Amino acid sequence: PSMRHVLYTVEADDVCVVPAFISEGYFTQQVIPRELGLTGPVTHKGDKTIRYAGPLGTFEGMADVVLERAEDLLEGKEVPPGRRALVLLGHGTDLNKNSGGVIYLNADRIRERNLYDLVEVGFLDQNPEIGEVVENIEAANVVLIPVFIAEGWHTRETIPEDLGLTGEVTTRGDKTIFYGAAVGTHPSMASLIAARARETERETEVVRSIS
């Protein structure tokens, strides 16, 4: 169903809308609210209370899903000795700082856990560029995780072709590169969406009680 009509198909009186997007931007800030007729974090339409959540990428649980994707990628594979680096791949754009900012946010959250020797970021459409990051990173094992909601042209063609990847594992010089699937396709995303909705419900209830 279209966004404009979907609320009419929902029988519940209390509805939480969770944007399946990585970062804040034109769609989450303008298109979705306009199409759903939302006026803010909480909108009352007839008998319905509609709560509007933030995108999934900014939620603290996203770092856990990224790490799970990396762990699944390495499971059962021979990892050569040496330093390990985790590189979060984002689309990025100089037109909206939020696009790259959310990738840095999750990299910082993961870096604090000290699970990898290095945690870096690389982008398609802004600096630092993915190829440059992978080329210059000082680690024998490089784990690349695309922080994208879905598989598509970039994750299946653009990134692998630009980096000369041959599959999940590519040996290039003194580096072994492990390339994972888009983080948004991981099974844990379902739990992340539910957790984002529960957090939004708690936050909007607190705001309503204060006001």
N, C-alpha and C. Protein backbone atom coordinates (compact mmCIF):
# COMPACT_ATOMS: atom_id res chain seq x y z
N PRO A 1 0.84 -1.21 0.00
CA PRO A 1 0.00 0.00 0.00
C PRO A 1 0.87 1.26 0.00
N SER A 2 0.34 2.33 -0.53
CA SER A 2 1.07 3.59 -0.52
C SER A 2 1.07 4.16 0.89
N MET A 3 2.05 4.99 1.18
CA MET A 3 2.13 5.61 2.51
C MET A 3 0.88 6.44 2.79
N ARG A 4 0.35 7.06 1.75
CA ARG A 4 -0.79 7.95 1.94
C ARG A 4 -2.03 7.20 2.43
N HIS A 5 -2.11 5.89 2.11
CA HIS A 5 -3.31 5.14 2.45
C HIS A 5 -3.10 4.09 3.53
N VAL A 6 -1.84 3.84 3.92
CA VAL A 6 -1.57 2.68 4.78
C VAL A 6 -2.22 2.81 6.16
N LEU A 7 -2.30 4.00 6.70
CA LEU A 7 -2.89 4.15 8.04
C LEU A 7 -4.36 3.76 8.08
N TYR A 8 -5.03 3.86 6.92
CA TYR A 8 -6.44 3.48 6.88
C TYR A 8 -6.61 1.96 6.95
N THR A 9 -5.53 1.22 6.70
CA THR A 9 -5.60 -0.24 6.75
C THR A 9 -5.24 -0.79 8.12
N VAL A 10 -4.83 0.11 9.04
CA VAL A 10 -4.40 -0.31 10.37
C VAL A 10 -5.56 -0.13 11.34
N GLU A 11 -5.93 -1.21 12.02
CA GLU A 11 -7.07 -1.14 12.93
C GLU A 11 -6.69 -0.66 14.32
N ALA A 12 -5.40 -0.76 14.69
CA ALA A 12 -4.96 -0.37 16.03
C ALA A 12 -5.15 1.12 16.26
N ASP A 13 -5.41 1.48 17.50
CA ASP A 13 -5.56 2.89 17.87
C ASP A 13 -4.22 3.56 18.13
N ASP A 14 -3.21 2.76 18.51
CA ASP A 14 -1.88 3.29 18.82
C ASP A 14 -0.90 2.73 17.78
N VAL A 15 -0.33 3.61 16.97
CA VAL A 15 0.49 3.19 15.84
C VAL A 15 1.87 3.82 15.94
N CYS A 16 2.92 3.02 15.70
CA CYS A 16 4.27 3.56 15.65
C CYS A 16 4.81 3.38 14.23
N VAL A 17 5.27 4.45 13.64
CA VAL A 17 5.84 4.43 12.29
C VAL A 17 7.35 4.44 12.40
N VAL A 18 8.00 3.41 11.88
CA VAL A 18 9.47 3.30 11.93
C VAL A 18 10.02 3.37 10.51
N PRO A 19 10.75 4.42 10.17
CA PRO A 19 11.34 4.52 8.83
C PRO A 19 12.50 3.54 8.68
N ALA A 20 12.43 2.66 7.68
CA ALA A 20 13.52 1.73 7.41
C ALA A 20 14.57 2.44 6.57
N PHE A 21 15.22 3.42 7.19
CA PHE A 21 16.26 4.22 6.55
C PHE A 21 17.48 4.23 7.47
N ILE A 22 18.65 4.45 6.88
CA ILE A 22 19.87 4.52 7.68
C ILE A 22 19.99 5.87 8.38
N SER A 23 19.71 6.96 7.68
CA SER A 23 19.94 8.28 8.26
C SER A 23 18.75 9.20 8.05
N GLU A 24 18.77 10.30 8.79
CA GLU A 24 17.78 11.36 8.58
C GLU A 24 18.05 12.01 7.23
N GLY A 25 17.00 12.46 6.59
CA GLY A 25 17.16 13.12 5.31
C GLY A 25 15.83 13.57 4.75
N TYR A 26 15.82 13.84 3.46
CA TYR A 26 14.63 14.38 2.80
C TYR A 26 13.40 13.48 2.98
N PHE A 27 13.59 12.17 2.84
CA PHE A 27 12.45 11.27 2.93
C PHE A 27 11.92 11.16 4.36
N THR A 28 12.83 11.02 5.33
CA THR A 28 12.36 10.85 6.72
C THR A 28 11.84 12.16 7.30
N GLN A 29 12.38 13.28 6.85
CA GLN A 29 12.00 14.57 7.45
C GLN A 29 10.86 15.25 6.72
N GLN A 30 10.68 14.94 5.42
CA GLN A 30 9.65 15.64 4.67
C GLN A 30 8.63 14.72 4.01
N VAL A 31 9.11 13.75 3.23
CA VAL A 31 8.19 12.93 2.44
C VAL A 31 7.27 12.09 3.31
N ILE A 32 7.85 11.31 4.24
CA ILE A 32 7.03 10.43 5.07
C ILE A 32 6.03 11.22 5.92
N PRO A 33 6.47 12.26 6.65
CA PRO A 33 5.48 13.04 7.42
C PRO A 33 4.37 13.62 6.54
N ARG A 34 4.75 14.10 5.36
CA ARG A 34 3.73 14.68 4.47
C ARG A 34 2.75 13.62 3.99
N GLU A 35 3.25 12.48 3.56
CA GLU A 35 2.37 11.44 3.02
C GLU A 35 1.47 10.83 4.08
N LEU A 36 1.97 10.75 5.32
CA LEU A 36 1.16 10.16 6.40
C LEU A 36 0.35 11.22 7.15
N GLY A 37 0.57 12.48 6.82
CA GLY A 37 -0.16 13.55 7.51
C GLY A 37 0.29 13.73 8.95
N LEU A 38 1.59 13.56 9.21
CA LEU A 38 2.11 13.68 10.57
C LEU A 38 2.48 15.13 10.87
N THR A 39 2.25 15.52 12.12
CA THR A 39 2.52 16.91 12.51
C THR A 39 3.68 17.02 13.49
N GLY A 40 4.27 15.89 13.88
CA GLY A 40 5.37 15.90 14.85
C GLY A 40 5.63 14.50 15.36
N PRO A 41 6.35 14.38 16.47
CA PRO A 41 6.63 13.06 17.04
C PRO A 41 5.37 12.27 17.38
N VAL A 42 4.31 13.01 17.75
CA VAL A 42 3.03 12.36 18.05
C VAL A 42 1.93 13.10 17.30
N THR A 43 1.12 12.36 16.56
CA THR A 43 0.03 12.94 15.79
C THR A 43 -1.27 12.23 16.16
N HIS A 44 -2.32 13.00 16.38
CA HIS A 44 -3.64 12.42 16.67
C HIS A 44 -4.52 12.61 15.43
N LYS A 45 -4.96 11.48 14.88
CA LYS A 45 -5.84 11.52 13.71
C LYS A 45 -7.06 10.69 14.03
N GLY A 46 -8.17 11.35 14.29
CA GLY A 46 -9.37 10.64 14.70
C GLY A 46 -9.12 9.92 16.01
N ASP A 47 -9.35 8.61 16.03
CA ASP A 47 -9.12 7.82 17.24
C ASP A 47 -7.70 7.28 17.34
N LYS A 48 -6.88 7.58 16.38
CA LYS A 48 -5.53 7.04 16.34
C LYS A 48 -4.49 7.98 16.93
N THR A 49 -3.54 7.40 17.67
CA THR A 49 -2.34 8.10 18.11
C THR A 49 -1.18 7.52 17.32
N ILE A 50 -0.50 8.38 16.54
CA ILE A 50 0.57 7.92 15.66
C ILE A 50 1.89 8.49 16.17
N ARG A 51 2.81 7.60 16.49
CA ARG A 51 4.13 7.99 16.98
C ARG A 51 5.14 7.78 15.85
N TYR A 52 6.00 8.78 15.65
CA TYR A 52 6.95 8.74 14.53
C TYR A 52 8.36 8.55 15.07
N ALA A 53 8.98 7.43 14.73
CA ALA A 53 10.32 7.11 15.22
C ALA A 53 11.39 7.70 14.33
N GLY A 54 12.61 7.71 14.83
CA GLY A 54 13.75 8.11 14.02
C GLY A 54 14.19 6.95 13.14
N PRO A 55 15.10 7.20 12.20
CA PRO A 55 15.58 6.13 11.32
C PRO A 55 16.35 5.07 12.09
N LEU A 56 16.50 3.91 11.51
CA LEU A 56 17.14 2.79 12.19
C LEU A 56 18.62 3.01 12.42
N GLY A 57 19.28 3.69 11.49
CA GLY A 57 20.73 3.82 11.58
C GLY A 57 21.23 4.61 12.77
N THR A 58 20.41 5.52 13.29
CA THR A 58 20.83 6.33 14.43
C THR A 58 20.55 5.66 15.76
N PHE A 59 19.78 4.57 15.74
CA PHE A 59 19.43 3.87 16.96
C PHE A 59 20.64 3.13 17.50
N GLU A 60 20.82 3.14 18.81
CA GLU A 60 22.03 2.56 19.40
C GLU A 60 22.20 1.08 19.08
N GLY A 61 21.11 0.37 18.84
CA GLY A 61 21.19 -1.04 18.54
C GLY A 61 21.77 -1.36 17.17
N MET A 62 21.91 -0.36 16.30
CA MET A 62 22.46 -0.61 14.97
C MET A 62 23.89 -1.12 15.04
N ALA A 63 24.67 -0.63 15.98
CA ALA A 63 26.06 -1.09 16.12
C ALA A 63 26.11 -2.59 16.39
N ASP A 64 25.15 -3.10 17.17
CA ASP A 64 25.10 -4.53 17.45
C ASP A 64 24.83 -5.33 16.18
N VAL A 65 23.95 -4.83 15.33
CA VAL A 65 23.62 -5.55 14.11
C VAL A 65 24.83 -5.56 13.16
N VAL A 66 25.56 -4.45 13.10
CA VAL A 66 26.76 -4.39 12.27
C VAL A 66 27.77 -5.44 12.74
N LEU A 67 27.96 -5.53 14.04
CA LEU A 67 28.91 -6.51 14.59
C LEU A 67 28.43 -7.94 14.35
N GLU A 68 27.14 -8.18 14.45
CA GLU A 68 26.61 -9.51 14.17
C GLU A 68 26.84 -9.89 12.71
N ARG A 69 26.64 -8.93 11.82
CA ARG A 69 26.89 -9.18 10.39
C ARG A 69 28.36 -9.54 10.17
N ALA A 70 29.26 -8.84 10.84
CA ALA A 70 30.69 -9.12 10.71
C ALA A 70 31.04 -10.49 11.27
N GLU A 71 30.46 -10.83 12.42
CA GLU A 71 30.73 -12.14 13.03
C GLU A 71 30.22 -13.28 12.13
N ASP A 72 29.05 -13.11 11.56
CA ASP A 72 28.50 -14.12 10.66
C ASP A 72 29.39 -14.29 9.43
N LEU A 73 29.92 -13.19 8.94
CA LEU A 73 30.79 -13.22 7.76
C LEU A 73 32.06 -14.02 8.03
N LEU A 74 32.65 -13.84 9.21
CA LEU A 74 33.92 -14.50 9.54
C LEU A 74 33.75 -15.94 10.01
N GLU A 75 32.54 -16.29 10.41
CA GLU A 75 32.32 -17.63 10.96
C GLU A 75 32.67 -18.71 9.94
N GLY A 76 33.49 -19.66 10.38
CA GLY A 76 33.86 -20.77 9.52
C GLY A 76 34.92 -20.47 8.50
N LYS A 77 35.41 -19.24 8.46
CA LYS A 77 36.44 -18.87 7.49
C LYS A 77 37.82 -18.82 8.16
N GLU A 78 38.83 -19.11 7.37
CA GLU A 78 40.20 -19.04 7.88
C GLU A 78 40.66 -17.58 7.87
N VAL A 79 40.93 -17.06 9.05
CA VAL A 79 41.38 -15.67 9.17
C VAL A 79 42.88 -15.69 9.46
N PRO A 80 43.69 -15.18 8.54
CA PRO A 80 45.14 -15.19 8.74
C PRO A 80 45.53 -14.38 9.97
N PRO A 81 46.70 -14.69 10.54
CA PRO A 81 47.16 -13.90 11.69
C PRO A 81 47.43 -12.46 11.27
N GLY A 82 47.32 -11.56 12.22
CA GLY A 82 47.57 -10.15 11.94
C GLY A 82 46.45 -9.26 12.45
N ARG A 83 46.65 -7.98 12.30
CA ARG A 83 45.67 -7.01 12.78
C ARG A 83 44.37 -7.11 11.99
N ARG A 84 43.27 -6.89 12.72
CA ARG A 84 41.95 -6.91 12.10
C ARG A 84 41.36 -5.51 12.08
N ALA A 85 40.78 -5.17 10.94
CA ALA A 85 40.12 -3.87 10.81
C ALA A 85 38.68 -4.08 10.36
N LEU A 86 37.80 -3.31 10.91
CA LEU A 86 36.40 -3.29 10.48
C LEU A 86 36.15 -1.96 9.79
N VAL A 87 35.66 -2.03 8.56
CA VAL A 87 35.37 -0.80 7.80
C VAL A 87 33.88 -0.74 7.51
N LEU A 88 33.24 0.31 7.97
CA LEU A 88 31.82 0.54 7.70
C LEU A 88 31.70 1.33 6.40
N LEU A 89 30.96 0.78 5.46
CA LEU A 89 30.81 1.41 4.15
C LEU A 89 29.46 2.13 4.08
N GLY A 90 29.50 3.40 3.74
CA GLY A 90 28.27 4.18 3.61
C GLY A 90 28.16 4.82 2.25
N HIS A 91 26.98 5.26 1.90
CA HIS A 91 26.80 5.96 0.62
C HIS A 91 27.40 7.36 0.71
N GLY A 92 26.93 8.12 1.70
CA GLY A 92 27.46 9.46 1.88
C GLY A 92 27.04 10.42 0.79
N THR A 93 27.02 11.68 1.11
CA THR A 93 26.77 12.74 0.13
C THR A 93 27.15 14.07 0.76
N ASP A 94 27.77 14.92 -0.04
CA ASP A 94 28.11 16.25 0.46
C ASP A 94 26.88 17.14 0.59
N LEU A 95 25.73 16.69 0.07
CA LEU A 95 24.50 17.48 0.13
C LEU A 95 23.79 17.35 1.47
N ASN A 96 24.11 16.29 2.24
CA ASN A 96 23.45 16.08 3.53
C ASN A 96 24.44 15.44 4.49
N LYS A 97 24.85 16.18 5.51
CA LYS A 97 25.85 15.70 6.47
C LYS A 97 25.33 14.50 7.28
N ASN A 98 24.01 14.37 7.41
CA ASN A 98 23.47 13.25 8.17
C ASN A 98 23.82 11.91 7.55
N SER A 99 23.94 11.87 6.22
CA SER A 99 24.21 10.62 5.52
C SER A 99 25.52 10.00 5.98
N GLY A 100 26.57 10.82 6.04
CA GLY A 100 27.86 10.32 6.50
C GLY A 100 27.96 10.30 8.01
N GLY A 101 27.26 11.21 8.66
CA GLY A 101 27.35 11.32 10.12
C GLY A 101 26.92 10.06 10.84
N VAL A 102 25.90 9.39 10.33
CA VAL A 102 25.40 8.18 10.99
C VAL A 102 26.41 7.04 10.88
N ILE A 103 27.22 7.02 9.82
CA ILE A 103 28.26 6.00 9.68
C ILE A 103 29.36 6.24 10.70
N TYR A 104 29.76 7.49 10.87
CA TYR A 104 30.75 7.84 11.90
C TYR A 104 30.21 7.53 13.29
N LEU A 105 28.93 7.78 13.51
CA LEU A 105 28.31 7.52 14.81
C LEU A 105 28.43 6.04 15.18
N ASN A 106 28.11 5.17 14.24
CA ASN A 106 28.18 3.74 14.53
C ASN A 106 29.61 3.25 14.63
N ALA A 107 30.50 3.83 13.85
CA ALA A 107 31.92 3.47 13.97
C ALA A 107 32.45 3.83 15.36
N ASP A 108 32.06 4.99 15.86
CA ASP A 108 32.49 5.40 17.20
C ASP A 108 31.96 4.44 18.27
N ARG A 109 30.70 4.04 18.14
CA ARG A 109 30.10 3.13 19.11
C ARG A 109 30.82 1.78 19.11
N ILE A 110 31.19 1.31 17.93
CA ILE A 110 31.89 0.03 17.83
C ILE A 110 33.33 0.17 18.32
N ARG A 111 33.95 1.27 18.00
CA ARG A 111 35.35 1.50 18.40
C ARG A 111 35.49 1.46 19.92
N GLU A 112 34.49 1.94 20.63
CA GLU A 112 34.54 1.97 22.09
C GLU A 112 34.57 0.57 22.71
N ARG A 113 34.18 -0.45 21.95
CA ARG A 113 34.12 -1.81 22.49
C ARG A 113 35.46 -2.56 22.37
N ASN A 114 36.39 -1.98 21.61
CA ASN A 114 37.74 -2.57 21.47
C ASN A 114 37.70 -4.01 20.96
N LEU A 115 36.85 -4.29 20.00
CA LEU A 115 36.76 -5.63 19.43
C LEU A 115 37.65 -5.79 18.21
N TYR A 116 38.01 -4.69 17.55
CA TYR A 116 38.87 -4.70 16.38
C TYR A 116 40.06 -3.78 16.63
N ASP A 117 41.17 -4.11 15.97
CA ASP A 117 42.35 -3.24 16.10
C ASP A 117 42.07 -1.86 15.51
N LEU A 118 41.29 -1.83 14.43
CA LEU A 118 40.93 -0.56 13.78
C LEU A 118 39.47 -0.60 13.38
N VAL A 119 38.80 0.53 13.48
CA VAL A 119 37.44 0.68 12.97
C VAL A 119 37.42 1.97 12.15
N GLU A 120 37.17 1.83 10.86
CA GLU A 120 37.22 2.98 9.96
C GLU A 120 35.94 3.09 9.15
N VAL A 121 35.81 4.17 8.39
CA VAL A 121 34.64 4.37 7.53
C VAL A 121 35.11 4.72 6.12
N GLY A 122 34.29 4.38 5.14
CA GLY A 122 34.56 4.74 3.76
C GLY A 122 33.24 5.00 3.04
N PHE A 123 33.28 5.86 2.01
CA PHE A 123 32.04 6.28 1.36
C PHE A 123 32.13 6.18 -0.16
N LEU A 124 30.95 6.11 -0.77
CA LEU A 124 30.85 6.15 -2.23
C LEU A 124 30.92 7.57 -2.77
N ASP A 125 30.21 8.48 -2.12
CA ASP A 125 30.04 9.82 -2.68
C ASP A 125 30.59 10.95 -1.81
N GLN A 126 31.47 10.64 -0.92
CA GLN A 126 32.16 11.68 -0.15
C GLN A 126 33.46 11.09 0.38
N ASN A 127 34.31 11.94 0.90
CA ASN A 127 35.57 11.47 1.46
C ASN A 127 35.39 11.04 2.91
N PRO A 128 36.20 10.05 3.35
CA PRO A 128 37.21 9.30 2.58
C PRO A 128 36.56 8.26 1.68
N GLU A 129 37.11 8.12 0.48
CA GLU A 129 36.56 7.19 -0.51
C GLU A 129 36.93 5.75 -0.14
N ILE A 130 36.01 4.83 -0.41
CA ILE A 130 36.16 3.44 0.02
C ILE A 130 37.47 2.83 -0.41
N GLY A 131 37.80 2.97 -1.69
CA GLY A 131 39.03 2.36 -2.21
C GLY A 131 40.27 2.87 -1.51
N GLU A 132 40.30 4.15 -1.25
CA GLU A 132 41.45 4.76 -0.57
C GLU A 132 41.60 4.22 0.85
N VAL A 133 40.47 4.07 1.54
CA VAL A 133 40.50 3.56 2.92
C VAL A 133 41.04 2.14 2.95
N VAL A 134 40.52 1.29 2.08
CA VAL A 134 40.95 -0.12 2.05
C VAL A 134 42.42 -0.23 1.66
N GLU A 135 42.84 0.58 0.72
CA GLU A 135 44.23 0.54 0.26
C GLU A 135 45.20 0.95 1.35
N ASN A 136 44.85 1.94 2.13
CA ASN A 136 45.79 2.51 3.09
C ASN A 136 45.67 1.96 4.50
N ILE A 137 44.65 1.17 4.77
CA ILE A 137 44.45 0.70 6.14
C ILE A 137 45.56 -0.28 6.53
N GLU A 138 46.08 -0.12 7.71
CA GLU A 138 47.22 -0.93 8.17
C GLU A 138 46.72 -2.13 8.96
N ALA A 139 46.21 -3.10 8.23
CA ALA A 139 45.70 -4.33 8.84
C ALA A 139 45.79 -5.45 7.81
N ALA A 140 46.09 -6.65 8.30
CA ALA A 140 46.18 -7.80 7.41
C ALA A 140 44.81 -8.32 7.02
N ASN A 141 43.85 -8.17 7.90
CA ASN A 141 42.49 -8.65 7.68
C ASN A 141 41.52 -7.47 7.73
N VAL A 142 40.81 -7.26 6.64
CA VAL A 142 39.91 -6.11 6.53
C VAL A 142 38.49 -6.62 6.32
N VAL A 143 37.60 -6.30 7.26
CA VAL A 143 36.20 -6.72 7.18
C VAL A 143 35.37 -5.53 6.72
N LEU A 144 34.71 -5.67 5.59
CA LEU A 144 33.92 -4.59 5.01
C LEU A 144 32.43 -4.89 5.19
N ILE A 145 31.73 -3.99 5.85
CA ILE A 145 30.29 -4.15 6.06
C ILE A 145 29.55 -2.95 5.47
N PRO A 146 28.75 -3.16 4.42
CA PRO A 146 27.97 -2.05 3.85
C PRO A 146 26.82 -1.68 4.80
N VAL A 147 26.81 -0.45 5.25
CA VAL A 147 25.73 0.01 6.12
C VAL A 147 24.63 0.57 5.21
N PHE A 148 23.96 -0.35 4.54
CA PHE A 148 22.86 -0.06 3.64
C PHE A 148 21.65 -0.85 4.13
N ILE A 149 20.45 -0.36 3.87
CA ILE A 149 19.25 -1.07 4.27
C ILE A 149 19.02 -2.31 3.43
N ALA A 150 19.31 -2.23 2.14
CA ALA A 150 19.00 -3.36 1.24
C ALA A 150 20.16 -3.63 0.29
N GLU A 151 20.17 -4.85 -0.25
CA GLU A 151 21.11 -5.16 -1.31
C GLU A 151 20.65 -4.45 -2.58
N GLY A 152 21.61 -4.03 -3.39
CA GLY A 152 21.26 -3.34 -4.61
C GLY A 152 22.48 -3.15 -5.49
N TRP A 153 22.36 -2.24 -6.41
CA TRP A 153 23.42 -1.99 -7.39
C TRP A 153 24.75 -1.67 -6.73
N HIS A 154 24.71 -0.82 -5.71
CA HIS A 154 25.98 -0.43 -5.06
C HIS A 154 26.64 -1.60 -4.34
N THR A 155 25.85 -2.33 -3.54
CA THR A 155 26.44 -3.39 -2.73
C THR A 155 26.85 -4.60 -3.57
N ARG A 156 26.13 -4.85 -4.67
CA ARG A 156 26.40 -6.04 -5.48
C ARG A 156 27.36 -5.78 -6.63
N GLU A 157 27.42 -4.54 -7.10
CA GLU A 157 28.24 -4.26 -8.28
C GLU A 157 29.26 -3.15 -8.06
N THR A 158 28.79 -1.95 -7.68
CA THR A 158 29.69 -0.81 -7.61
C THR A 158 30.85 -1.05 -6.65
N ILE A 159 30.55 -1.41 -5.42
CA ILE A 159 31.61 -1.58 -4.42
C ILE A 159 32.53 -2.75 -4.77
N PRO A 160 32.00 -3.96 -5.06
CA PRO A 160 32.89 -5.06 -5.42
C PRO A 160 33.77 -4.77 -6.64
N GLU A 161 33.20 -4.12 -7.67
CA GLU A 161 33.98 -3.82 -8.87
C GLU A 161 35.06 -2.79 -8.59
N ASP A 162 34.72 -1.75 -7.84
CA ASP A 162 35.70 -0.71 -7.54
C ASP A 162 36.87 -1.25 -6.71
N LEU A 163 36.58 -2.23 -5.83
CA LEU A 163 37.61 -2.77 -4.97
C LEU A 163 38.27 -4.03 -5.53
N GLY A 164 37.76 -4.51 -6.67
CA GLY A 164 38.32 -5.71 -7.26
C GLY A 164 38.07 -6.95 -6.43
N LEU A 165 36.89 -7.02 -5.79
CA LEU A 165 36.57 -8.16 -4.94
C LEU A 165 36.05 -9.31 -5.79
N THR A 166 36.37 -10.54 -5.36
CA THR A 166 35.97 -11.72 -6.12
C THR A 166 34.91 -12.55 -5.40
N GLY A 167 34.46 -12.08 -4.23
CA GLY A 167 33.47 -12.81 -3.45
C GLY A 167 33.54 -12.36 -2.00
N GLU A 168 33.13 -13.23 -1.11
CA GLU A 168 33.17 -12.88 0.31
C GLU A 168 34.59 -12.73 0.81
N VAL A 169 35.53 -13.46 0.22
CA VAL A 169 36.93 -13.39 0.65
C VAL A 169 37.81 -13.11 -0.57
N THR A 170 38.61 -12.07 -0.48
CA THR A 170 39.53 -11.70 -1.56
C THR A 170 40.91 -11.47 -0.97
N THR A 171 41.91 -12.11 -1.54
CA THR A 171 43.29 -11.86 -1.11
C THR A 171 43.95 -10.93 -2.11
N ARG A 172 44.44 -9.82 -1.59
CA ARG A 172 45.07 -8.83 -2.47
C ARG A 172 46.35 -8.35 -1.81
N GLY A 173 47.47 -8.77 -2.36
CA GLY A 173 48.75 -8.42 -1.76
C GLY A 173 48.86 -9.04 -0.38
N ASP A 174 49.14 -8.19 0.60
CA ASP A 174 49.27 -8.68 1.98
C ASP A 174 47.99 -8.54 2.77
N LYS A 175 46.88 -8.26 2.09
CA LYS A 175 45.60 -8.09 2.77
C LYS A 175 44.61 -9.19 2.39
N THR A 176 43.83 -9.63 3.36
CA THR A 176 42.69 -10.51 3.11
C THR A 176 41.44 -9.69 3.40
N ILE A 177 40.59 -9.54 2.39
CA ILE A 177 39.41 -8.68 2.51
C ILE A 177 38.16 -9.55 2.59
N PHE A 178 37.39 -9.34 3.64
CA PHE A 178 36.13 -10.06 3.85
C PHE A 178 34.99 -9.07 3.58
N TYR A 179 34.12 -9.45 2.65
CA TYR A 179 33.05 -8.53 2.24
C TYR A 179 31.69 -9.09 2.61
N GLY A 180 30.97 -8.37 3.47
CA GLY A 180 29.68 -8.81 3.96
C GLY A 180 28.51 -8.26 3.17
N ALA A 181 27.34 -8.81 3.44
CA ALA A 181 26.10 -8.33 2.83
C ALA A 181 25.63 -7.06 3.53
N ALA A 182 24.68 -6.39 2.92
CA ALA A 182 24.13 -5.16 3.51
C ALA A 182 23.59 -5.44 4.90
N VAL A 183 23.89 -4.56 5.83
CA VAL A 183 23.50 -4.79 7.22
C VAL A 183 21.99 -4.86 7.38
N GLY A 184 21.26 -4.17 6.52
CA GLY A 184 19.80 -4.14 6.63
C GLY A 184 19.12 -5.46 6.32
N THR A 185 19.84 -6.40 5.72
CA THR A 185 19.24 -7.70 5.41
C THR A 185 19.50 -8.72 6.50
N HIS A 186 20.19 -8.34 7.56
CA HIS A 186 20.48 -9.28 8.65
C HIS A 186 19.19 -9.59 9.42
N PRO A 187 19.00 -10.84 9.86
CA PRO A 187 17.78 -11.20 10.59
C PRO A 187 17.54 -10.35 11.85
N SER A 188 18.60 -9.86 12.47
CA SER A 188 18.45 -9.07 13.69
C SER A 188 17.78 -7.72 13.46
N MET A 189 17.63 -7.33 12.20
CA MET A 189 16.99 -6.05 11.92
C MET A 189 15.53 -6.04 12.37
N ALA A 190 14.88 -7.20 12.36
CA ALA A 190 13.49 -7.27 12.82
C ALA A 190 13.39 -6.86 14.29
N SER A 191 14.33 -7.36 15.10
CA SER A 191 14.36 -7.01 16.52
C SER A 191 14.71 -5.54 16.70
N LEU A 192 15.58 -5.03 15.83
CA LEU A 192 15.98 -3.62 15.92
C LEU A 192 14.78 -2.71 15.65
N ILE A 193 13.98 -3.07 14.66
CA ILE A 193 12.78 -2.28 14.34
C ILE A 193 11.82 -2.27 15.53
N ALA A 194 11.61 -3.44 16.13
CA ALA A 194 10.70 -3.53 17.27
C ALA A 194 11.24 -2.72 18.45
N ALA A 195 12.55 -2.77 18.68
CA ALA A 195 13.15 -2.02 19.79
C ALA A 195 13.05 -0.52 19.54
N ARG A 196 13.22 -0.11 18.29
CA ARG A 196 13.10 1.31 17.94
C ARG A 196 11.67 1.79 18.22
N ALA A 197 10.69 0.95 17.90
CA ALA A 197 9.29 1.30 18.14
C ALA A 197 9.01 1.41 19.63
N ARG A 198 9.53 0.46 20.42
CA ARG A 198 9.30 0.49 21.87
C ARG A 198 9.94 1.73 22.50
N GLU A 199 11.15 2.08 22.04
CA GLU A 199 11.81 3.26 22.57
C GLU A 199 11.00 4.52 22.25
N THR A 200 10.48 4.59 21.03
CA THR A 200 9.69 5.75 20.62
C THR A 200 8.43 5.86 21.47
N GLU A 201 7.81 4.74 21.76
CA GLU A 201 6.61 4.75 22.60
C GLU A 201 6.94 5.28 24.00
N ARG A 202 8.06 4.82 24.57
CA ARG A 202 8.46 5.29 25.90
C ARG A 202 8.77 6.79 25.89
N GLU A 203 9.51 7.22 24.88
CA GLU A 203 9.91 8.63 24.81
C GLU A 203 8.71 9.54 24.63
N THR A 204 7.79 9.16 23.77
CA THR A 204 6.63 10.03 23.53
C THR A 204 5.68 10.03 24.72
N GLU A 205 5.61 8.94 25.46
CA GLU A 205 4.80 8.91 26.68
C GLU A 205 5.38 9.86 27.73
N VAL A 206 6.72 9.87 27.83
CA VAL A 206 7.37 10.77 28.79
C VAL A 206 7.12 12.21 28.42
N VAL A 207 7.26 12.55 27.13
CA VAL A 207 7.04 13.91 26.68
C VAL A 207 5.60 14.34 26.95
N ARG A 208 4.66 13.43 26.70
CA ARG A 208 3.24 13.77 26.90
C ARG A 208 2.93 13.99 28.38
N SER A 209 3.57 13.18 29.25
CA SER A 209 3.30 13.32 30.69
C SER A 209 3.90 14.63 31.23
N ILE A 210 5.06 15.04 30.66
CA ILE A 210 5.69 16.30 31.09
C ILE A 210 4.87 17.49 30.64
N SER A 211 4.41 17.43 29.37
CA SER A 211 3.65 18.56 28.83
C SER A 211 2.25 18.63 29.43
